[in-house]
Amino acid sequence: MRKIFRTSVCIAAIVLINSYCWAAESSTETEGGLCGVEVLAGFGTAQLDEKETYHPITVFVDFDFNLVPLTEKFNFTPPGLLQFTFEPFASYSYQPESNGEIGNNFLIKIGFAPQTWRLQPYFKGGLGMLYLSQRTREQSTQFNFNEHAGLGFHYYFTDDKKLAFTTEYRYRHISNAGIKSPNSGIDTHYGICGLSYLF
């Protein structure tokens, strides 16, 4: 769990440092608050010790909040997007048996490129919680926490950058944070895509 967190922090730091290369070309929003909504669908795969492969099909609804006005109060203006994402989600898994997940994630999204660019690559990472109806040997509890780290991009269809196609790879680790044993965790790899609308 600590290793994943350290890796996410390192990636975020690299992205922030790298983004200064384009500072002269950047353009940031000046208004805070809710700045966009994304509707995303993902297909995940994970290996279970006893029940073989686990395949969740997930719908995410992302509510993006612009953090730039907050950072500007500390004399820091990131050249790319910087957002807090509130992400409720629900999943259905058909393998190894029919079951579901429901939960919410709290994420930070950091852009690689100036906001003037039509293609917006980003890093996303954070924590969340979920209820998992599937009982597995790996997890003794059905209520769990999850960590996320992913890379993706927005491609804006229009010049005003209101509507975008979004695709993303995401890694998810499920753990109950040591509440009860066993707690070996479940690692899921996701392919995600959908549409994003910027206010």
N, C-alpha and C. Protein backbone atom coordinates (compact mmCIF):
# COMPACT_ATOMS: atom_id res chain seq x y z
N MET A 1 0.83 -1.20 0.00
CA MET A 1 0.00 0.00 0.00
C MET A 1 0.87 1.26 0.00
N ARG A 2 1.93 1.25 0.86
CA ARG A 2 2.83 2.39 0.93
C ARG A 2 3.61 2.55 -0.37
N LYS A 3 3.98 1.42 -0.98
CA LYS A 3 4.72 1.47 -2.24
C LYS A 3 3.90 2.14 -3.33
N ILE A 4 2.62 1.81 -3.41
CA ILE A 4 1.74 2.42 -4.41
C ILE A 4 1.62 3.91 -4.17
N PHE A 5 1.47 4.30 -2.90
CA PHE A 5 1.35 5.72 -2.57
C PHE A 5 2.62 6.48 -2.96
N ARG A 6 3.79 5.92 -2.63
CA ARG A 6 5.06 6.58 -2.97
C ARG A 6 5.21 6.72 -4.47
N THR A 7 4.84 5.66 -5.20
CA THR A 7 4.94 5.71 -6.66
C THR A 7 4.04 6.79 -7.23
N SER A 8 2.81 6.91 -6.72
CA SER A 8 1.87 7.93 -7.19
C SER A 8 2.40 9.33 -6.94
N VAL A 9 2.99 9.54 -5.75
CA VAL A 9 3.55 10.85 -5.42
C VAL A 9 4.70 11.20 -6.34
N CYS A 10 5.58 10.22 -6.63
CA CYS A 10 6.71 10.46 -7.53
C CYS A 10 6.25 10.83 -8.94
N ILE A 11 5.24 10.10 -9.45
CA ILE A 11 4.72 10.40 -10.78
C ILE A 11 4.12 11.80 -10.82
N ALA A 12 3.36 12.15 -9.78
CA ALA A 12 2.76 13.48 -9.72
C ALA A 12 3.82 14.57 -9.71
N ALA A 13 4.92 14.35 -8.97
CA ALA A 13 6.00 15.33 -8.91
C ALA A 13 6.67 15.49 -10.27
N ILE A 14 6.89 14.37 -10.97
CA ILE A 14 7.51 14.43 -12.30
C ILE A 14 6.64 15.20 -13.27
N VAL A 15 5.32 14.94 -13.21
CA VAL A 15 4.39 15.64 -14.10
C VAL A 15 4.40 17.14 -13.84
N LEU A 16 4.40 17.54 -12.57
CA LEU A 16 4.41 18.96 -12.23
C LEU A 16 5.67 19.65 -12.72
N ILE A 17 6.82 18.99 -12.50
CA ILE A 17 8.09 19.57 -12.95
C ILE A 17 8.14 19.67 -14.46
N ASN A 18 7.70 18.60 -15.13
CA ASN A 18 7.72 18.57 -16.58
C ASN A 18 6.82 19.64 -17.19
N SER A 19 5.71 19.93 -16.52
CA SER A 19 4.74 20.88 -17.07
C SER A 19 5.29 22.29 -17.18
N TYR A 20 6.31 22.63 -16.41
CA TYR A 20 6.89 23.96 -16.49
C TYR A 20 7.56 24.22 -17.83
N CYS A 21 7.89 23.16 -18.55
CA CYS A 21 8.51 23.34 -19.88
C CYS A 21 7.59 24.09 -20.83
N TRP A 22 6.27 24.03 -20.57
CA TRP A 22 5.30 24.68 -21.45
C TRP A 22 4.62 25.87 -20.78
N ALA A 23 5.21 26.38 -19.74
CA ALA A 23 4.55 27.44 -18.97
C ALA A 23 4.20 28.65 -19.82
N ALA A 24 5.04 28.98 -20.78
CA ALA A 24 4.80 30.17 -21.59
C ALA A 24 3.57 30.03 -22.46
N GLU A 25 3.21 28.77 -22.79
CA GLU A 25 2.07 28.55 -23.67
C GLU A 25 0.78 28.34 -22.92
N SER A 26 0.83 28.28 -21.62
CA SER A 26 -0.32 27.84 -20.85
C SER A 26 -1.38 28.90 -20.70
N SER A 27 -2.59 28.41 -20.40
CA SER A 27 -3.72 29.28 -20.12
C SER A 27 -4.59 28.58 -19.10
N THR A 28 -4.75 29.11 -17.90
CA THR A 28 -5.51 28.45 -16.85
C THR A 28 -6.82 29.15 -16.59
N GLU A 29 -7.80 28.39 -16.10
CA GLU A 29 -9.07 28.97 -15.76
C GLU A 29 -8.93 29.78 -14.48
N THR A 30 -9.68 30.84 -14.34
CA THR A 30 -9.57 31.69 -13.16
C THR A 30 -10.70 31.43 -12.17
N GLU A 31 -11.72 30.73 -12.57
CA GLU A 31 -12.85 30.47 -11.69
C GLU A 31 -12.70 29.11 -11.02
N GLY A 32 -13.02 29.07 -9.73
CA GLY A 32 -12.97 27.82 -9.00
C GLY A 32 -14.30 27.11 -9.05
N GLY A 33 -14.45 26.08 -8.23
CA GLY A 33 -15.69 25.34 -8.18
C GLY A 33 -15.77 24.26 -9.24
N LEU A 34 -16.97 23.73 -9.42
CA LEU A 34 -17.19 22.66 -10.38
C LEU A 34 -16.90 23.16 -11.79
N CYS A 35 -15.99 22.47 -12.49
CA CYS A 35 -15.60 22.92 -13.83
C CYS A 35 -15.88 21.89 -14.92
N GLY A 36 -16.31 20.69 -14.56
CA GLY A 36 -16.59 19.70 -15.58
C GLY A 36 -17.19 18.42 -15.01
N VAL A 37 -17.84 17.67 -15.91
CA VAL A 37 -18.43 16.37 -15.55
C VAL A 37 -17.99 15.36 -16.60
N GLU A 38 -17.61 14.18 -16.15
CA GLU A 38 -17.20 13.11 -17.05
C GLU A 38 -18.05 11.87 -16.79
N VAL A 39 -18.46 11.21 -17.85
CA VAL A 39 -19.14 9.92 -17.74
C VAL A 39 -18.26 8.90 -18.43
N LEU A 40 -17.73 7.96 -17.65
CA LEU A 40 -16.73 7.02 -18.14
C LEU A 40 -17.16 5.58 -17.87
N ALA A 41 -16.76 4.69 -18.76
CA ALA A 41 -17.01 3.26 -18.58
C ALA A 41 -15.69 2.53 -18.65
N GLY A 42 -15.53 1.53 -17.78
CA GLY A 42 -14.26 0.81 -17.75
C GLY A 42 -14.44 -0.69 -17.65
N PHE A 43 -13.47 -1.40 -18.21
CA PHE A 43 -13.41 -2.86 -18.09
C PHE A 43 -12.14 -3.22 -17.35
N GLY A 44 -12.28 -3.98 -16.26
CA GLY A 44 -11.12 -4.33 -15.44
C GLY A 44 -10.85 -5.82 -15.42
N THR A 45 -9.61 -6.16 -15.11
CA THR A 45 -9.24 -7.56 -14.96
C THR A 45 -8.31 -7.71 -13.77
N ALA A 46 -8.56 -8.76 -12.97
CA ALA A 46 -7.73 -9.05 -11.80
C ALA A 46 -7.65 -10.56 -11.62
N GLN A 47 -6.55 -11.02 -11.05
CA GLN A 47 -6.38 -12.45 -10.80
C GLN A 47 -6.66 -12.75 -9.33
N LEU A 48 -7.53 -13.72 -9.08
CA LEU A 48 -7.85 -14.18 -7.73
C LEU A 48 -7.22 -15.55 -7.50
N ASP A 49 -6.75 -15.79 -6.29
CA ASP A 49 -6.07 -17.05 -5.98
C ASP A 49 -6.97 -18.26 -6.18
N GLU A 50 -8.19 -18.19 -5.68
CA GLU A 50 -9.07 -19.34 -5.67
C GLU A 50 -10.08 -19.32 -6.82
N LYS A 51 -10.58 -18.13 -7.15
CA LYS A 51 -11.68 -18.02 -8.11
C LYS A 51 -11.23 -17.53 -9.48
N GLU A 52 -9.93 -17.57 -9.73
CA GLU A 52 -9.35 -17.21 -11.02
C GLU A 52 -9.59 -15.75 -11.36
N THR A 53 -10.09 -15.46 -12.55
CA THR A 53 -10.13 -14.08 -13.04
C THR A 53 -11.37 -13.33 -12.56
N TYR A 54 -11.15 -12.07 -12.18
CA TYR A 54 -12.24 -11.18 -11.75
C TYR A 54 -12.37 -10.06 -12.78
N HIS A 55 -13.57 -9.88 -13.34
CA HIS A 55 -13.79 -8.90 -14.41
C HIS A 55 -14.89 -7.91 -14.02
N PRO A 56 -14.56 -6.76 -13.43
CA PRO A 56 -15.58 -5.74 -13.17
C PRO A 56 -15.81 -4.84 -14.40
N ILE A 57 -17.05 -4.55 -14.67
CA ILE A 57 -17.43 -3.55 -15.68
C ILE A 57 -17.99 -2.37 -14.91
N THR A 58 -17.35 -1.23 -15.03
CA THR A 58 -17.60 -0.12 -14.11
C THR A 58 -18.05 1.14 -14.85
N VAL A 59 -19.01 1.84 -14.26
CA VAL A 59 -19.41 3.17 -14.72
C VAL A 59 -18.97 4.18 -13.67
N PHE A 60 -18.16 5.16 -14.10
CA PHE A 60 -17.69 6.23 -13.24
C PHE A 60 -18.37 7.54 -13.65
N VAL A 61 -18.77 8.34 -12.68
CA VAL A 61 -19.25 9.70 -12.96
C VAL A 61 -18.33 10.65 -12.19
N ASP A 62 -17.53 11.41 -12.94
CA ASP A 62 -16.53 12.29 -12.34
C ASP A 62 -17.03 13.73 -12.27
N PHE A 63 -16.94 14.32 -11.10
CA PHE A 63 -17.23 15.74 -10.91
C PHE A 63 -15.90 16.43 -10.64
N ASP A 64 -15.46 17.24 -11.60
CA ASP A 64 -14.13 17.87 -11.55
C ASP A 64 -14.22 19.29 -10.99
N PHE A 65 -13.34 19.59 -10.05
CA PHE A 65 -13.28 20.91 -9.43
C PHE A 65 -11.91 21.54 -9.69
N ASN A 66 -11.93 22.77 -10.19
CA ASN A 66 -10.69 23.47 -10.53
C ASN A 66 -9.96 23.90 -9.26
N LEU A 67 -8.70 23.48 -9.12
CA LEU A 67 -7.89 23.83 -7.95
C LEU A 67 -6.96 25.02 -8.18
N VAL A 68 -6.91 25.53 -9.41
CA VAL A 68 -5.98 26.61 -9.73
C VAL A 68 -6.21 27.85 -8.87
N PRO A 69 -7.47 28.31 -8.69
CA PRO A 69 -7.66 29.49 -7.83
C PRO A 69 -7.11 29.30 -6.42
N LEU A 70 -7.19 28.07 -5.91
CA LEU A 70 -6.65 27.79 -4.58
C LEU A 70 -5.14 27.89 -4.57
N THR A 71 -4.49 27.30 -5.58
CA THR A 71 -3.02 27.35 -5.61
C THR A 71 -2.51 28.76 -5.86
N GLU A 72 -3.29 29.57 -6.59
CA GLU A 72 -2.87 30.95 -6.85
C GLU A 72 -2.79 31.77 -5.57
N LYS A 73 -3.56 31.39 -4.56
CA LYS A 73 -3.48 32.09 -3.27
C LYS A 73 -2.13 31.88 -2.60
N PHE A 74 -1.43 30.83 -3.02
CA PHE A 74 -0.10 30.54 -2.49
C PHE A 74 0.99 30.87 -3.52
N ASN A 75 0.62 31.75 -4.48
CA ASN A 75 1.55 32.21 -5.52
C ASN A 75 2.08 31.06 -6.38
N PHE A 76 1.24 30.08 -6.62
CA PHE A 76 1.60 28.98 -7.51
C PHE A 76 0.51 28.82 -8.56
N THR A 77 0.90 29.00 -9.83
CA THR A 77 -0.04 28.86 -10.94
C THR A 77 0.44 27.74 -11.85
N PRO A 78 -0.15 26.55 -11.76
CA PRO A 78 0.28 25.46 -12.63
C PRO A 78 -0.05 25.77 -14.08
N PRO A 79 0.84 25.45 -15.01
CA PRO A 79 0.60 25.76 -16.42
C PRO A 79 -0.46 24.88 -17.07
N GLY A 80 -0.72 23.71 -16.50
CA GLY A 80 -1.73 22.81 -17.03
C GLY A 80 -2.90 22.68 -16.07
N LEU A 81 -3.82 21.78 -16.38
CA LEU A 81 -4.98 21.61 -15.51
C LEU A 81 -4.57 21.00 -14.17
N LEU A 82 -5.26 21.39 -13.14
CA LEU A 82 -5.08 20.84 -11.80
C LEU A 82 -6.46 20.76 -11.17
N GLN A 83 -6.94 19.54 -10.95
CA GLN A 83 -8.32 19.36 -10.52
C GLN A 83 -8.44 18.35 -9.38
N PHE A 84 -9.44 18.56 -8.54
CA PHE A 84 -9.89 17.56 -7.58
C PHE A 84 -11.11 16.89 -8.18
N THR A 85 -11.14 15.56 -8.15
CA THR A 85 -12.25 14.81 -8.74
C THR A 85 -12.98 13.98 -7.69
N PHE A 86 -14.28 14.20 -7.62
CA PHE A 86 -15.18 13.41 -6.77
C PHE A 86 -15.83 12.39 -7.69
N GLU A 87 -15.61 11.08 -7.45
CA GLU A 87 -15.95 10.06 -8.43
C GLU A 87 -16.78 8.92 -7.84
N PRO A 88 -18.10 9.03 -7.81
CA PRO A 88 -18.91 7.86 -7.47
C PRO A 88 -18.88 6.84 -8.61
N PHE A 89 -18.99 5.57 -8.26
CA PHE A 89 -18.95 4.53 -9.29
C PHE A 89 -19.76 3.32 -8.86
N ALA A 90 -20.14 2.52 -9.85
CA ALA A 90 -20.82 1.25 -9.62
C ALA A 90 -20.31 0.24 -10.64
N SER A 91 -20.16 -1.00 -10.20
CA SER A 91 -19.61 -2.05 -11.07
C SER A 91 -20.49 -3.29 -11.05
N TYR A 92 -20.48 -3.98 -12.18
CA TYR A 92 -21.06 -5.31 -12.27
C TYR A 92 -19.96 -6.25 -12.74
N SER A 93 -19.84 -7.40 -12.10
CA SER A 93 -18.86 -8.40 -12.52
C SER A 93 -19.58 -9.69 -12.88
N TYR A 94 -19.27 -10.21 -14.05
CA TYR A 94 -19.88 -11.46 -14.51
C TYR A 94 -18.97 -12.67 -14.25
N GLN A 95 -17.74 -12.42 -13.81
CA GLN A 95 -16.78 -13.49 -13.58
C GLN A 95 -15.94 -13.17 -12.35
N PRO A 96 -15.75 -14.10 -11.43
CA PRO A 96 -16.07 -15.53 -11.50
C PRO A 96 -17.55 -15.87 -11.28
N GLU A 97 -18.31 -14.92 -10.71
CA GLU A 97 -19.75 -15.10 -10.57
C GLU A 97 -20.38 -13.72 -10.51
N SER A 98 -21.67 -13.63 -10.74
CA SER A 98 -22.33 -12.33 -10.75
C SER A 98 -22.24 -11.65 -9.39
N ASN A 99 -21.76 -10.42 -9.38
CA ASN A 99 -21.66 -9.65 -8.15
C ASN A 99 -21.51 -8.19 -8.50
N GLY A 100 -21.47 -7.33 -7.49
CA GLY A 100 -21.40 -5.90 -7.75
C GLY A 100 -20.46 -5.17 -6.81
N GLU A 101 -20.15 -3.94 -7.18
CA GLU A 101 -19.37 -3.02 -6.36
C GLU A 101 -20.07 -1.67 -6.37
N ILE A 102 -19.95 -0.94 -5.29
CA ILE A 102 -20.41 0.44 -5.27
C ILE A 102 -19.47 1.22 -4.35
N GLY A 103 -19.15 2.45 -4.75
CA GLY A 103 -18.22 3.21 -3.92
C GLY A 103 -17.99 4.61 -4.45
N ASN A 104 -16.95 5.22 -3.92
CA ASN A 104 -16.61 6.59 -4.30
C ASN A 104 -15.11 6.79 -4.17
N ASN A 105 -14.55 7.57 -5.10
CA ASN A 105 -13.13 7.88 -5.09
C ASN A 105 -12.91 9.38 -4.96
N PHE A 106 -11.76 9.74 -4.37
CA PHE A 106 -11.34 11.14 -4.24
C PHE A 106 -9.97 11.24 -4.91
N LEU A 107 -9.91 11.96 -6.03
CA LEU A 107 -8.73 11.92 -6.89
C LEU A 107 -8.18 13.31 -7.18
N ILE A 108 -6.90 13.35 -7.51
CA ILE A 108 -6.26 14.56 -8.01
C ILE A 108 -5.84 14.31 -9.46
N LYS A 109 -6.18 15.23 -10.34
CA LYS A 109 -5.80 15.13 -11.75
C LYS A 109 -4.82 16.25 -12.09
N ILE A 110 -3.69 15.88 -12.68
CA ILE A 110 -2.65 16.85 -13.01
C ILE A 110 -2.36 16.76 -14.51
N GLY A 111 -2.49 17.87 -15.23
CA GLY A 111 -2.26 17.89 -16.67
C GLY A 111 -0.80 18.00 -17.03
N PHE A 112 -0.41 17.36 -18.13
CA PHE A 112 0.95 17.43 -18.64
C PHE A 112 1.17 18.67 -19.49
N ALA A 113 0.13 19.17 -20.15
CA ALA A 113 0.29 20.16 -21.21
C ALA A 113 -0.52 21.42 -20.91
N PRO A 114 -0.20 22.52 -21.61
CA PRO A 114 -0.99 23.75 -21.45
C PRO A 114 -2.45 23.52 -21.81
N GLN A 115 -3.34 24.27 -21.19
CA GLN A 115 -4.76 24.10 -21.45
C GLN A 115 -5.18 24.63 -22.81
N THR A 116 -4.28 25.28 -23.54
CA THR A 116 -4.58 25.72 -24.90
C THR A 116 -4.52 24.55 -25.89
N TRP A 117 -3.92 23.45 -25.51
CA TRP A 117 -3.78 22.31 -26.42
C TRP A 117 -5.08 21.53 -26.51
N ARG A 118 -5.36 21.03 -27.72
CA ARG A 118 -6.56 20.21 -27.94
C ARG A 118 -6.40 18.83 -27.27
N LEU A 119 -5.18 18.30 -27.29
CA LEU A 119 -4.89 17.02 -26.63
C LEU A 119 -4.34 17.30 -25.24
N GLN A 120 -5.00 16.76 -24.22
CA GLN A 120 -4.64 17.04 -22.82
C GLN A 120 -4.29 15.74 -22.09
N PRO A 121 -3.01 15.32 -22.11
CA PRO A 121 -2.63 14.15 -21.32
C PRO A 121 -2.58 14.49 -19.84
N TYR A 122 -2.85 13.50 -18.99
CA TYR A 122 -2.90 13.78 -17.56
C TYR A 122 -2.52 12.55 -16.74
N PHE A 123 -2.16 12.82 -15.49
CA PHE A 123 -1.99 11.79 -14.46
C PHE A 123 -3.12 11.95 -13.47
N LYS A 124 -3.65 10.83 -12.99
CA LYS A 124 -4.72 10.86 -12.00
C LYS A 124 -4.40 9.86 -10.89
N GLY A 125 -4.57 10.27 -9.65
CA GLY A 125 -4.31 9.36 -8.54
C GLY A 125 -5.11 9.74 -7.31
N GLY A 126 -5.34 8.77 -6.43
CA GLY A 126 -6.06 9.08 -5.21
C GLY A 126 -6.54 7.84 -4.47
N LEU A 127 -7.47 8.08 -3.56
CA LEU A 127 -7.99 7.03 -2.68
C LEU A 127 -9.51 6.99 -2.74
N GLY A 128 -10.07 5.88 -2.29
CA GLY A 128 -11.52 5.76 -2.24
C GLY A 128 -11.94 4.64 -1.33
N MET A 129 -13.22 4.33 -1.37
CA MET A 129 -13.77 3.24 -0.57
C MET A 129 -14.86 2.56 -1.39
N LEU A 130 -15.08 1.28 -1.10
CA LEU A 130 -16.11 0.55 -1.85
C LEU A 130 -16.65 -0.61 -1.03
N TYR A 131 -17.86 -1.01 -1.41
CA TYR A 131 -18.46 -2.23 -0.89
C TYR A 131 -18.42 -3.25 -2.02
N LEU A 132 -17.87 -4.42 -1.74
CA LEU A 132 -17.68 -5.47 -2.73
C LEU A 132 -18.54 -6.67 -2.34
N SER A 133 -19.51 -7.01 -3.18
CA SER A 133 -20.40 -8.13 -2.82
C SER A 133 -19.72 -9.49 -3.01
N GLN A 134 -18.69 -9.52 -3.86
CA GLN A 134 -17.95 -10.76 -4.11
C GLN A 134 -17.12 -11.14 -2.87
N ARG A 135 -17.25 -12.37 -2.42
CA ARG A 135 -16.42 -12.86 -1.32
C ARG A 135 -15.21 -13.59 -1.91
N THR A 136 -14.02 -13.20 -1.46
CA THR A 136 -12.80 -13.78 -2.01
C THR A 136 -11.88 -14.23 -0.87
N ARG A 137 -10.95 -15.13 -1.22
CA ARG A 137 -9.96 -15.58 -0.24
C ARG A 137 -9.03 -14.42 0.13
N GLU A 138 -8.77 -13.51 -0.82
CA GLU A 138 -7.83 -12.41 -0.58
C GLU A 138 -8.33 -11.42 0.47
N GLN A 139 -9.65 -11.16 0.48
CA GLN A 139 -10.20 -10.14 1.36
C GLN A 139 -11.21 -10.74 2.33
N SER A 140 -10.98 -10.50 3.63
CA SER A 140 -11.89 -11.03 4.65
C SER A 140 -13.11 -10.15 4.86
N THR A 141 -13.04 -8.91 4.37
CA THR A 141 -14.15 -7.98 4.53
C THR A 141 -14.71 -7.58 3.17
N GLN A 142 -15.98 -7.23 3.15
CA GLN A 142 -16.58 -6.75 1.90
C GLN A 142 -16.51 -5.24 1.77
N PHE A 143 -16.34 -4.54 2.90
CA PHE A 143 -16.06 -3.11 2.85
C PHE A 143 -14.55 -2.94 2.76
N ASN A 144 -14.10 -2.19 1.75
CA ASN A 144 -12.67 -2.04 1.51
C ASN A 144 -12.33 -0.61 1.10
N PHE A 145 -11.04 -0.32 1.14
CA PHE A 145 -10.51 0.92 0.61
C PHE A 145 -9.82 0.60 -0.71
N ASN A 146 -9.66 1.61 -1.55
CA ASN A 146 -8.94 1.38 -2.80
C ASN A 146 -8.05 2.56 -3.15
N GLU A 147 -6.92 2.24 -3.76
CA GLU A 147 -5.97 3.24 -4.24
C GLU A 147 -5.94 3.19 -5.76
N HIS A 148 -5.83 4.36 -6.37
CA HIS A 148 -5.83 4.45 -7.83
C HIS A 148 -4.63 5.23 -8.33
N ALA A 149 -4.10 4.82 -9.47
CA ALA A 149 -3.09 5.59 -10.19
C ALA A 149 -3.30 5.32 -11.67
N GLY A 150 -3.36 6.38 -12.47
CA GLY A 150 -3.64 6.18 -13.89
C GLY A 150 -3.09 7.28 -14.77
N LEU A 151 -2.99 6.96 -16.05
CA LEU A 151 -2.58 7.91 -17.08
C LEU A 151 -3.64 7.92 -18.17
N GLY A 152 -3.97 9.10 -18.68
CA GLY A 152 -4.96 9.20 -19.72
C GLY A 152 -4.85 10.50 -20.49
N PHE A 153 -5.83 10.74 -21.34
CA PHE A 153 -5.86 12.02 -22.05
C PHE A 153 -7.29 12.40 -22.41
N HIS A 154 -7.50 13.71 -22.51
CA HIS A 154 -8.72 14.27 -23.08
C HIS A 154 -8.38 14.74 -24.49
N TYR A 155 -9.26 14.46 -25.45
CA TYR A 155 -9.12 15.06 -26.79
C TYR A 155 -10.38 15.86 -27.05
N TYR A 156 -10.22 17.19 -27.16
CA TYR A 156 -11.36 18.08 -27.31
C TYR A 156 -11.80 18.15 -28.77
N PHE A 157 -13.10 17.96 -28.99
CA PHE A 157 -13.66 17.98 -30.33
C PHE A 157 -13.81 19.39 -30.87
N THR A 158 -14.03 20.35 -29.98
CA THR A 158 -14.35 21.71 -30.41
C THR A 158 -13.28 22.69 -29.95
N ASP A 159 -13.21 23.84 -30.65
CA ASP A 159 -12.21 24.86 -30.33
C ASP A 159 -12.44 25.48 -28.95
N ASP A 160 -13.69 25.53 -28.51
CA ASP A 160 -13.96 26.12 -27.19
C ASP A 160 -13.66 25.15 -26.04
N LYS A 161 -13.24 23.93 -26.39
CA LYS A 161 -12.82 22.91 -25.42
C LYS A 161 -13.91 22.63 -24.37
N LYS A 162 -15.09 22.39 -24.86
CA LYS A 162 -16.22 22.05 -23.99
C LYS A 162 -16.48 20.55 -23.93
N LEU A 163 -16.29 19.86 -25.06
CA LEU A 163 -16.60 18.43 -25.13
C LEU A 163 -15.37 17.65 -25.55
N ALA A 164 -15.08 16.58 -24.82
CA ALA A 164 -13.86 15.82 -25.10
C ALA A 164 -14.11 14.32 -25.02
N PHE A 165 -13.36 13.58 -25.84
CA PHE A 165 -13.26 12.13 -25.69
C PHE A 165 -12.15 11.87 -24.69
N THR A 166 -12.41 10.99 -23.74
CA THR A 166 -11.43 10.70 -22.69
C THR A 166 -11.13 9.21 -22.67
N THR A 167 -9.85 8.88 -22.59
CA THR A 167 -9.45 7.48 -22.43
C THR A 167 -8.35 7.41 -21.38
N GLU A 168 -8.27 6.28 -20.69
CA GLU A 168 -7.39 6.20 -19.52
C GLU A 168 -7.04 4.75 -19.19
N TYR A 169 -5.79 4.55 -18.79
CA TYR A 169 -5.40 3.30 -18.14
C TYR A 169 -5.35 3.58 -16.64
N ARG A 170 -5.90 2.67 -15.84
CA ARG A 170 -5.89 2.88 -14.40
C ARG A 170 -5.57 1.57 -13.66
N TYR A 171 -4.72 1.72 -12.66
CA TYR A 171 -4.40 0.61 -11.75
C TYR A 171 -5.14 0.84 -10.44
N ARG A 172 -5.78 -0.21 -9.92
CA ARG A 172 -6.52 -0.11 -8.65
C ARG A 172 -6.08 -1.22 -7.70
N HIS A 173 -5.81 -0.83 -6.47
CA HIS A 173 -5.48 -1.81 -5.43
C HIS A 173 -6.56 -1.75 -4.35
N ILE A 174 -7.17 -2.89 -4.05
CA ILE A 174 -8.20 -2.98 -3.02
C ILE A 174 -7.59 -3.58 -1.75
N SER A 175 -7.87 -2.95 -0.62
CA SER A 175 -7.36 -3.41 0.67
C SER A 175 -8.33 -2.96 1.77
N ASN A 176 -8.36 -3.69 2.88
CA ASN A 176 -9.19 -3.24 4.00
C ASN A 176 -8.37 -2.50 5.06
N ALA A 177 -7.12 -2.13 4.70
CA ALA A 177 -6.23 -1.35 5.57
C ALA A 177 -5.91 -2.08 6.87
N GLY A 178 -5.90 -3.42 6.81
CA GLY A 178 -5.52 -4.20 7.98
C GLY A 178 -6.58 -4.34 9.04
N ILE A 179 -7.83 -4.02 8.70
CA ILE A 179 -8.93 -4.14 9.67
C ILE A 179 -9.11 -5.59 10.12
N LYS A 180 -8.97 -6.51 9.16
CA LYS A 180 -9.16 -7.92 9.45
C LYS A 180 -8.35 -8.75 8.46
N SER A 181 -7.87 -9.90 8.91
CA SER A 181 -7.12 -10.80 8.03
C SER A 181 -8.02 -11.92 7.52
N PRO A 182 -7.74 -12.44 6.31
CA PRO A 182 -6.65 -12.05 5.41
C PRO A 182 -6.91 -10.73 4.70
N ASN A 183 -5.80 -10.11 4.26
CA ASN A 183 -5.89 -8.82 3.57
C ASN A 183 -4.75 -8.73 2.55
N SER A 184 -4.70 -9.71 1.65
CA SER A 184 -3.63 -9.72 0.66
C SER A 184 -3.87 -8.75 -0.48
N GLY A 185 -5.11 -8.27 -0.63
CA GLY A 185 -5.41 -7.25 -1.63
C GLY A 185 -5.78 -7.83 -2.99
N ILE A 186 -6.46 -7.01 -3.78
CA ILE A 186 -6.83 -7.37 -5.15
C ILE A 186 -6.35 -6.24 -6.06
N ASP A 187 -5.53 -6.58 -7.04
CA ASP A 187 -4.99 -5.60 -7.99
C ASP A 187 -5.73 -5.71 -9.32
N THR A 188 -6.32 -4.61 -9.74
CA THR A 188 -7.13 -4.58 -10.96
C THR A 188 -6.53 -3.60 -11.96
N HIS A 189 -6.46 -4.02 -13.22
CA HIS A 189 -6.01 -3.16 -14.31
C HIS A 189 -7.22 -2.80 -15.16
N TYR A 190 -7.41 -1.49 -15.37
CA TYR A 190 -8.59 -0.98 -16.07
C TYR A 190 -8.23 -0.31 -17.39
N GLY A 191 -9.07 -0.54 -18.39
CA GLY A 191 -9.13 0.30 -19.58
C GLY A 191 -10.42 1.09 -19.50
N ILE A 192 -10.34 2.42 -19.64
CA ILE A 192 -11.48 3.31 -19.40
C ILE A 192 -11.63 4.28 -20.57
N CYS A 193 -12.87 4.58 -20.96
CA CYS A 193 -13.10 5.63 -21.95
C CYS A 193 -14.48 6.24 -21.72
N GLY A 194 -14.69 7.41 -22.30
CA GLY A 194 -15.98 8.08 -22.15
C GLY A 194 -15.94 9.50 -22.66
N LEU A 195 -16.90 10.31 -22.23
CA LEU A 195 -17.01 11.70 -22.66
C LEU A 195 -16.89 12.63 -21.46
N SER A 196 -16.27 13.77 -21.71
CA SER A 196 -16.09 14.80 -20.67
C SER A 196 -16.66 16.11 -21.18
N TYR A 197 -17.37 16.80 -20.29
CA TYR A 197 -17.93 18.11 -20.64
C TYR A 197 -17.38 19.14 -19.67
N LEU A 198 -16.77 20.18 -20.22
CA LEU A 198 -16.18 21.25 -19.43
C LEU A 198 -17.11 22.45 -19.41
N PHE A 199 -17.40 22.98 -18.23
CA PHE A 199 -18.30 24.13 -18.11
C PHE A 199 -17.58 25.42 -18.54
